[in-house]
C-alpha atoms as a PDB file:
ATOM      1  CA  MET A   1      14.763 -12.466  19.219  1.00  0.00           C
ATOM      2  CA  ARG A   2      11.257 -11.340  18.220  1.00  0.00           C
ATOM      3  CA  VAL A   3       9.152 -13.852  16.404  1.00  0.00           C
ATOM      4  CA  SER A   4       7.176 -13.269  13.156  1.00  0.00           C
ATOM      5  CA  LEU A   5       3.340 -13.077  13.597  1.00  0.00           C
ATOM      6  CA  ILE A   6       2.931 -14.686  10.250  1.00  0.00           C
ATOM      7  CA  THR A   7       3.127 -18.461  10.755  1.00  0.00           C
ATOM      8  CA  PRO A   8       4.135 -20.637   7.800  1.00  0.00           C
ATOM      9  CA  ALA A   9       0.449 -21.763   7.428  1.00  0.00           C
ATOM     10  CA  LEU A  10      -0.763 -18.218   7.375  1.00  0.00           C
ATOM     11  CA  ARG A  11       1.842 -17.111   4.851  1.00  0.00           C
ATOM     12  CA  THR A  12       0.678 -19.942   2.567  1.00  0.00           C
ATOM     13  CA  GLU A  13      -2.918 -18.981   3.019  1.00  0.00           C
ATOM     14  CA  LEU A  14      -2.350 -15.284   2.269  1.00  0.00           C
ATOM     15  CA  SER A  15       0.053 -16.032  -0.606  1.00  0.00           C
ATOM     16  CA  ALA A  16      -2.750 -17.930  -2.381  1.00  0.00           C
ATOM     17  CA  LEU A  17      -4.948 -14.735  -2.110  1.00  0.00           C
ATOM     18  CA  TYR A  18      -2.259 -12.663  -3.637  1.00  0.00           C
ATOM     19  CA  ARG A  19      -1.734 -15.060  -6.481  1.00  0.00           C
ATOM     20  CA  ALA A  20      -5.304 -14.703  -7.769  1.00  0.00           C
ATOM     21  CA  GLU A  21      -5.479 -14.124 -11.496  1.00  0.00           C
ATOM     22  CA  ASP A  22      -7.099 -10.767 -11.292  1.00  0.00           C
ATOM     23  CA  ARG A  23      -4.219  -9.246  -9.314  1.00  0.00           C
ATOM     24  CA  HIS A  24      -2.081  -7.558 -11.833  1.00  0.00           C
ATOM     25  CA  TYR A  25      -0.418  -5.145  -9.360  1.00  0.00           C
ATOM     26  CA  HIS A  26      -1.769  -5.924  -5.943  1.00  0.00           C
ATOM     27  CA  GLY A  27      -0.336  -9.428  -5.843  1.00  0.00           C
ATOM     28  CA  ILE A  28       2.464 -11.391  -4.340  1.00  0.00           C
ATOM     29  CA  ASN A  29       5.217  -9.346  -6.019  1.00  0.00           C
ATOM     30  CA  HIS A  30       3.882  -6.215  -4.322  1.00  0.00           C
ATOM     31  CA  ILE A  31       4.046  -7.968  -0.973  1.00  0.00           C
ATOM     32  CA  LYS A  32       7.548  -9.160  -1.662  1.00  0.00           C
ATOM     33  CA  SER A  33       8.645  -5.663  -2.610  1.00  0.00           C
ATOM     34  CA  LEU A  34       7.295  -4.232   0.717  1.00  0.00           C
ATOM     35  CA  LEU A  35       8.951  -6.929   2.650  1.00  0.00           C
ATOM     36  CA  GLY A  36      12.202  -6.111   0.961  1.00  0.00           C
ATOM     37  CA  LEU A  37      11.842  -2.511   1.990  1.00  0.00           C
ATOM     38  CA  LEU A  38      10.985  -3.578   5.524  1.00  0.00           C
ATOM     39  CA  ASP A  39      14.153  -5.594   5.656  1.00  0.00           C
ATOM     40  CA  GLU A  40      16.175  -2.638   4.242  1.00  0.00           C
ATOM     41  CA  TYR A  41      14.817  -0.245   6.884  1.00  0.00           C
ATOM     42  CA  ARG A  42      14.133  -2.646   9.736  1.00  0.00           C
ATOM     43  CA  PRO A  43      16.266  -0.534  12.266  1.00  0.00           C
ATOM     44  CA  SER A  44      13.861   2.335  11.727  1.00  0.00           C
ATOM     45  CA  PHE A  45      10.758   0.452  13.006  1.00  0.00           C
ATOM     46  CA  SER A  46       9.893   0.049  16.634  1.00  0.00           C
ATOM     47  CA  ASP A  47       7.756  -3.079  15.914  1.00  0.00           C
ATOM     48  CA  PRO A  48       8.812  -4.457  12.595  1.00  0.00           C
ATOM     49  CA  GLU A  49       7.004  -7.754  13.179  1.00  0.00           C
ATOM     50  CA  ALA A  50       3.733  -5.830  13.468  1.00  0.00           C
ATOM     51  CA  ILE A  51       4.500  -3.990  10.285  1.00  0.00           C
ATOM     52  CA  GLU A  52       5.320  -7.278   8.544  1.00  0.00           C
ATOM     53  CA  ALA A  53       1.861  -8.539   9.592  1.00  0.00           C
ATOM     54  CA  ALA A  54       0.298  -5.344   8.240  1.00  0.00           C
ATOM     55  CA  ILE A  55       2.097  -5.809   4.936  1.00  0.00           C
ATOM     56  CA  TRP A  56       0.856  -9.324   4.541  1.00  0.00           C
ATOM     57  CA  PHE A  57      -2.742  -8.408   5.274  1.00  0.00           C
ATOM     58  CA  HIS A  58      -3.135  -4.876   3.859  1.00  0.00           C
ATOM     59  CA  ASP A  59      -4.313  -6.037   0.421  1.00  0.00           C
ATOM     60  CA  ALA A  60      -5.421  -9.512   1.405  1.00  0.00           C
ATOM     61  CA  ILE A  61      -9.017  -8.626   0.414  1.00  0.00           C
ATOM     62  CA  TYR A  62      -8.932  -6.927  -2.997  1.00  0.00           C
ATOM     63  CA  ASP A  63     -11.960  -6.373  -5.275  1.00  0.00           C
ATOM     64  CA  SER A  64     -11.504  -3.488  -7.553  1.00  0.00           C
ATOM     65  CA  ARG A  65     -15.315  -3.042  -7.573  1.00  0.00           C
ATOM     66  CA  ALA A  66     -15.506  -2.700  -3.834  1.00  0.00           C
ATOM     67  CA  LYS A  67     -14.957   0.337  -1.534  1.00  0.00           C
ATOM     68  CA  ASP A  68     -14.249  -1.476   1.657  1.00  0.00           C
ATOM     69  CA  ASN A  69     -11.253  -3.673   0.822  1.00  0.00           C
ATOM     70  CA  GLU A  70      -8.954  -2.190   3.539  1.00  0.00           C
ATOM     71  CA  ALA A  71     -11.555  -2.491   6.265  1.00  0.00           C
ATOM     72  CA  ARG A  72     -12.224  -6.019   5.225  1.00  0.00           C
ATOM     73  CA  SER A  73      -8.493  -6.807   5.146  1.00  0.00           C
ATOM     74  CA  ALA A  74      -8.167  -5.404   8.638  1.00  0.00           C
ATOM     75  CA  ASP A  75     -11.015  -7.482   9.868  1.00  0.00           C
ATOM     76  CA  LEU A  76      -9.326 -10.616   8.279  1.00  0.00           C
ATOM     77  CA  ALA A  77      -6.175  -9.622  10.278  1.00  0.00           C
ATOM     78  CA  ARG A  78      -8.095  -9.364  13.549  1.00  0.00           C
ATOM     79  CA  GLU A  79      -9.550 -12.831  12.874  1.00  0.00           C
ATOM     80  CA  LYS A  80      -6.353 -14.579  11.784  1.00  0.00           C
ATOM     81  CA  LEU A  81      -4.121 -12.947  14.319  1.00  0.00           C
ATOM     82  CA  ALA A  82      -6.364 -13.320  17.303  1.00  0.00           C
ATOM     83  CA  GLY A  83      -4.403 -15.278  19.900  1.00  0.00           C
ATOM     84  CA  ILE A  84      -1.101 -14.627  18.106  1.00  0.00           C
ATOM     85  CA  ALA A  85      -0.916 -10.905  18.835  1.00  0.00           C
ATOM     86  CA  ASP A  86      -2.253  -9.309  22.020  1.00  0.00           C
ATOM     87  CA  ALA A  87      -5.355  -7.143  21.716  1.00  0.00           C
ATOM     88  CA  GLU A  88      -3.481  -3.736  21.818  1.00  0.00           C
ATOM     89  CA  ARG A  89      -0.921  -4.766  19.209  1.00  0.00           C
ATOM     90  CA  LEU A  90      -3.516  -6.345  16.959  1.00  0.00           C
ATOM     91  CA  ASN A  91      -5.578  -3.141  17.067  1.00  0.00           C
ATOM     92  CA  ARG A  92      -2.529  -1.110  15.963  1.00  0.00           C
ATOM     93  CA  ILE A  93      -2.023  -3.588  13.070  1.00  0.00           C
ATOM     94  CA  ALA A  94      -5.600  -3.267  11.996  1.00  0.00           C
ATOM     95  CA  LEU A  95      -5.646   0.496  12.201  1.00  0.00           C
ATOM     96  CA  THR A  96      -2.429   0.624  10.135  1.00  0.00           C
ATOM     97  CA  ILE A  97      -4.027  -1.613   7.486  1.00  0.00           C
ATOM     98  CA  GLU A  98      -7.190   0.576   7.341  1.00  0.00           C
ATOM     99  CA  ALA A  99      -4.985   3.692   6.911  1.00  0.00           C
ATOM    100  CA  THR A 100      -3.820   2.351   3.580  1.00  0.00           C
ATOM    101  CA  ALA A 101      -7.258   3.354   2.206  1.00  0.00           C
ATOM    102  CA  THR A 102      -6.443   7.054   2.482  1.00  0.00           C
ATOM    103  CA  HIS A 103      -2.644   6.928   3.095  1.00  0.00           C
ATOM    104  CA  THR A 104      -3.191   9.203   6.061  1.00  0.00           C
ATOM    105  CA  VAL A 105      -1.268   8.347   9.269  1.00  0.00           C
ATOM    106  CA  PRO A 106      -3.677   6.901  11.795  1.00  0.00           C
ATOM    107  CA  ASP A 107      -4.131   8.425  15.177  1.00  0.00           C
ATOM    108  CA  ILE A 108      -2.608   5.510  17.257  1.00  0.00           C
ATOM    109  CA  GLU A 109      -0.465   5.281  20.355  1.00  0.00           C
ATOM    110  CA  PRO A 110       2.309   5.362  21.118  1.00  0.00           C
ATOM    111  CA  GLU A 111       4.074   7.804  18.874  1.00  0.00           C
ATOM    112  CA  THR A 112       6.479   5.048  17.763  1.00  0.00           C
ATOM    113  CA  ALA A 113       3.493   3.141  16.363  1.00  0.00           C
ATOM    114  CA  ARG A 114       2.426   6.181  14.397  1.00  0.00           C
ATOM    115  CA  GLN A 115       5.946   6.457  13.030  1.00  0.00           C
ATOM    116  CA  ASP A 116       5.842   2.751  12.043  1.00  0.00           C
ATOM    117  CA  ALA A 117       2.562   3.297  10.321  1.00  0.00           C
ATOM    118  CA  ALA A 118       3.874   6.325   8.426  1.00  0.00           C
ATOM    119  CA  LEU A 119       6.811   4.266   7.206  1.00  0.00           C
ATOM    120  CA  LEU A 120       4.513   1.546   6.051  1.00  0.00           C
ATOM    121  CA  LEU A 121       2.307   4.017   4.150  1.00  0.00           C
ATOM    122  CA  ASP A 122       5.434   5.405   2.477  1.00  0.00           C
ATOM    123  CA  MET A 123       6.629   1.973   1.460  1.00  0.00           C
ATOM    124  CA  ASP A 124       3.196   1.287   0.030  1.00  0.00           C
ATOM    125  CA  LEU A 125       3.524   4.463  -2.109  1.00  0.00           C
ATOM    126  CA  SER A 126       7.181   3.914  -3.058  1.00  0.00           C
ATOM    127  CA  ILE A 127       6.141   2.641  -6.522  1.00  0.00           C
ATOM    128  CA  LEU A 128       5.149   6.227  -7.306  1.00  0.00           C
ATOM    129  CA  GLY A 129       8.856   7.149  -7.192  1.00  0.00           C
ATOM    130  CA  ALA A 130      10.132   4.222  -9.081  1.00  0.00           C
ATOM    131  CA  ALA A 131      12.084   4.559 -12.353  1.00  0.00           C
ATOM    132  CA  PRO A 132       9.713   5.736 -15.166  1.00  0.00           C
ATOM    133  CA  GLU A 133       9.481   2.355 -16.890  1.00  0.00           C
ATOM    134  CA  THR A 134       8.647   0.588 -13.595  1.00  0.00           C
ATOM    135  CA  PHE A 135       6.078   3.313 -12.835  1.00  0.00           C
ATOM    136  CA  ASP A 136       4.515   2.898 -16.293  1.00  0.00           C
ATOM    137  CA  ALA A 137       4.288  -0.855 -15.826  1.00  0.00           C
ATOM    138  CA  TYR A 138       2.539  -0.202 -12.456  1.00  0.00           C
ATOM    139  CA  GLU A 139       0.035   2.177 -14.089  1.00  0.00           C
ATOM    140  CA  ALA A 140      -0.695  -0.433 -16.829  1.00  0.00           C
ATOM    141  CA  ALA A 141      -1.137  -3.184 -14.251  1.00  0.00           C
ATOM    142  CA  VAL A 142      -3.598  -1.108 -12.116  1.00  0.00           C
ATOM    143  CA  ARG A 143      -5.504  -0.337 -15.365  1.00  0.00           C
ATOM    144  CA  ARG A 144      -5.860  -3.972 -15.979  1.00  0.00           C
ATOM    145  CA  GLU A 145      -7.251  -4.505 -12.525  1.00  0.00           C
ATOM    146  CA  TYR A 146      -9.907  -1.964 -13.437  1.00  0.00           C
ATOM    147  CA  ALA A 147     -10.523  -3.269 -17.000  1.00  0.00           C
ATOM    148  CA  TRP A 148     -14.267  -3.173 -16.255  1.00  0.00           C
ATOM    149  CA  VAL A 149     -14.218   0.598 -15.983  1.00  0.00           C
ATOM    150  CA  GLU A 150     -14.944   2.415 -19.257  1.00  0.00           C
ATOM    151  CA  GLU A 151     -12.077   4.554 -20.566  1.00  0.00           C
ATOM    152  CA  PRO A 152     -13.692   8.011 -19.979  1.00  0.00           C
ATOM    153  CA  LEU A 153     -14.598   7.154 -16.373  1.00  0.00           C
ATOM    154  CA  TRP A 154     -11.054   5.657 -15.834  1.00  0.00           C
ATOM    155  CA  ILE A 155      -9.330   8.731 -17.114  1.00  0.00           C
ATOM    156  CA  ALA A 156     -11.400  11.012 -14.886  1.00  0.00           C
ATOM    157  CA  GLY A 157     -11.111   8.879 -11.790  1.00  0.00           C
ATOM    158  CA  ARG A 158      -7.436   7.934 -12.105  1.00  0.00           C
ATOM    159  CA  GLY A 159      -6.543  11.455 -12.912  1.00  0.00           C
ATOM    160  CA  ALA A 160      -8.354  12.734  -9.782  1.00  0.00           C
ATOM    161  CA  VAL A 161      -6.424  10.199  -7.579  1.00  0.00           C
ATOM    162  CA  LEU A 162      -3.043  11.165  -8.996  1.00  0.00           C
ATOM    163  CA  LYS A 163      -3.769  14.848  -8.659  1.00  0.00           C
ATOM    164  CA  THR A 164      -4.692  14.356  -5.012  1.00  0.00           C
ATOM    165  CA  PHE A 165      -1.162  13.095  -4.381  1.00  0.00           C
ATOM    166  CA  LEU A 166       0.344  15.947  -6.383  1.00  0.00           C
ATOM    167  CA  GLU A 167      -1.656  18.488  -4.337  1.00  0.00           C
ATOM    168  CA  ARG A 168      -0.168  17.338  -1.113  1.00  0.00           C
ATOM    169  CA  GLU A 169       2.687  19.394   0.371  1.00  0.00           C
ATOM    170  CA  HIS A 170       4.562  16.088   0.597  1.00  0.00           C
ATOM    171  CA  ILE A 171       3.589  12.834  -0.994  1.00  0.00           C
ATOM    172  CA  PHE A 172       5.570  10.832   1.576  1.00  0.00           C
ATOM    173  CA  HIS A 173       5.154  11.279   5.393  1.00  0.00           C
ATOM    174  CA  THR A 174       8.783  10.497   6.424  1.00  0.00           C
ATOM    175  CA  ASP A 175      12.071  12.076   5.696  1.00  0.00           C
ATOM    176  CA  ILE A 176      13.473   8.673   4.822  1.00  0.00           C
ATOM    177  CA  PHE A 177      11.193   8.073   1.904  1.00  0.00           C
ATOM    178  CA  ARG A 178      10.750  11.715   0.985  1.00  0.00           C
ATOM    179  CA  SER A 179      14.448  12.061   0.262  1.00  0.00           C
ATOM    180  CA  ARG A 180      14.504   8.869  -1.791  1.00  0.00           C
ATOM    181  CA  PHE A 181      11.297   9.046  -3.758  1.00  0.00           C
ATOM    182  CA  GLU A 182       9.526  12.424  -3.613  1.00  0.00           C
ATOM    183  CA  GLU A 183      11.203  14.101  -6.591  1.00  0.00           C
ATOM    184  CA  GLN A 184      10.728  11.196  -8.974  1.00  0.00           C
ATOM    185  CA  ALA A 185       7.263  10.540  -7.687  1.00  0.00           C
ATOM    186  CA  ARG A 186       6.168  14.027  -8.703  1.00  0.00           C
ATOM    187  CA  LYS A 187       7.719  13.691 -12.089  1.00  0.00           C
ATOM    188  CA  ASN A 188       5.968  10.390 -12.701  1.00  0.00           C
ATOM    189  CA  LEU A 189       2.601  11.607 -11.512  1.00  0.00           C
ATOM    190  CA  ARG A 190       2.705  14.745 -13.531  1.00  0.00           C
ATOM    191  CA  ARG A 191       3.631  12.871 -16.594  1.00  0.00           C
ATOM    192  CA  SER A 192       0.794  10.307 -15.963  1.00  0.00           C
ATOM    193  CA  VAL A 193      -1.701  13.173 -15.453  1.00  0.00           C
ATOM    194  CA  ASP A 194      -0.578  14.753 -18.645  1.00  0.00           C
ATOM    195  CA  VAL A 195      -0.997  11.461 -20.616  1.00  0.00           C
ATOM    196  CA  LEU A 196      -4.427  10.988 -19.106  1.00  0.00           C
ATOM    197  CA  GLU A 197      -5.477  14.557 -20.082  1.00  0.00           C
ATOM    198  CA  ALA A 198      -4.205  14.036 -23.611  1.00  0.00           C
ATOM    199  CA  ARG A 199      -6.215  10.885 -23.975  1.00  0.00           C
ATOM    200  CA  SER A 200      -9.318  12.724 -22.786  1.00  0.00           C
ATOM    201  CA  GLY A 201      -8.702  15.564 -25.256  1.00  0.00           C
ATOM    202  CA  SER A 202      -8.645  18.144 -22.508  1.00  0.00           C
END
């Protein structure tokens, strides 16, 4: 039986970070949601314990004003998991965490590790394909995390992010999540872009 890399003490420490008052979406419920998806699709992963660790660390550092959250979260994973995971495995975990910055599958070996990373990235984006009311709550929560951004800048910036996903041939990397979420994700994103454009008067 494989053992979790996240010790009880580490889980407590990370949980405290995710319960910070400024985390309206990127908080503990997001982590619980991803862990639920991991459990649901566990047989599809070659190293589910490594992905569990990546889930716990991927938003551990979250400052909406910063541009290096993912890199800093990966560094935290390297620090906290040193001596728990071997160097090669820890490097795969860190690179997977860093990949959540762009949601591009990292160039890691072996192929099974890339597939695991692709599945994690898709799980992280699964909210895009949620039911409309859940997606709208997500959008509102993210806006609260960026409350310091003036409305015109938010509309332009958020619209650009959403359009980037819409312009992809596929939003999701894996057939598993593409078949489950792709169609609804495109509907949600298109509707959100339309709302933003209406608010901007364009």
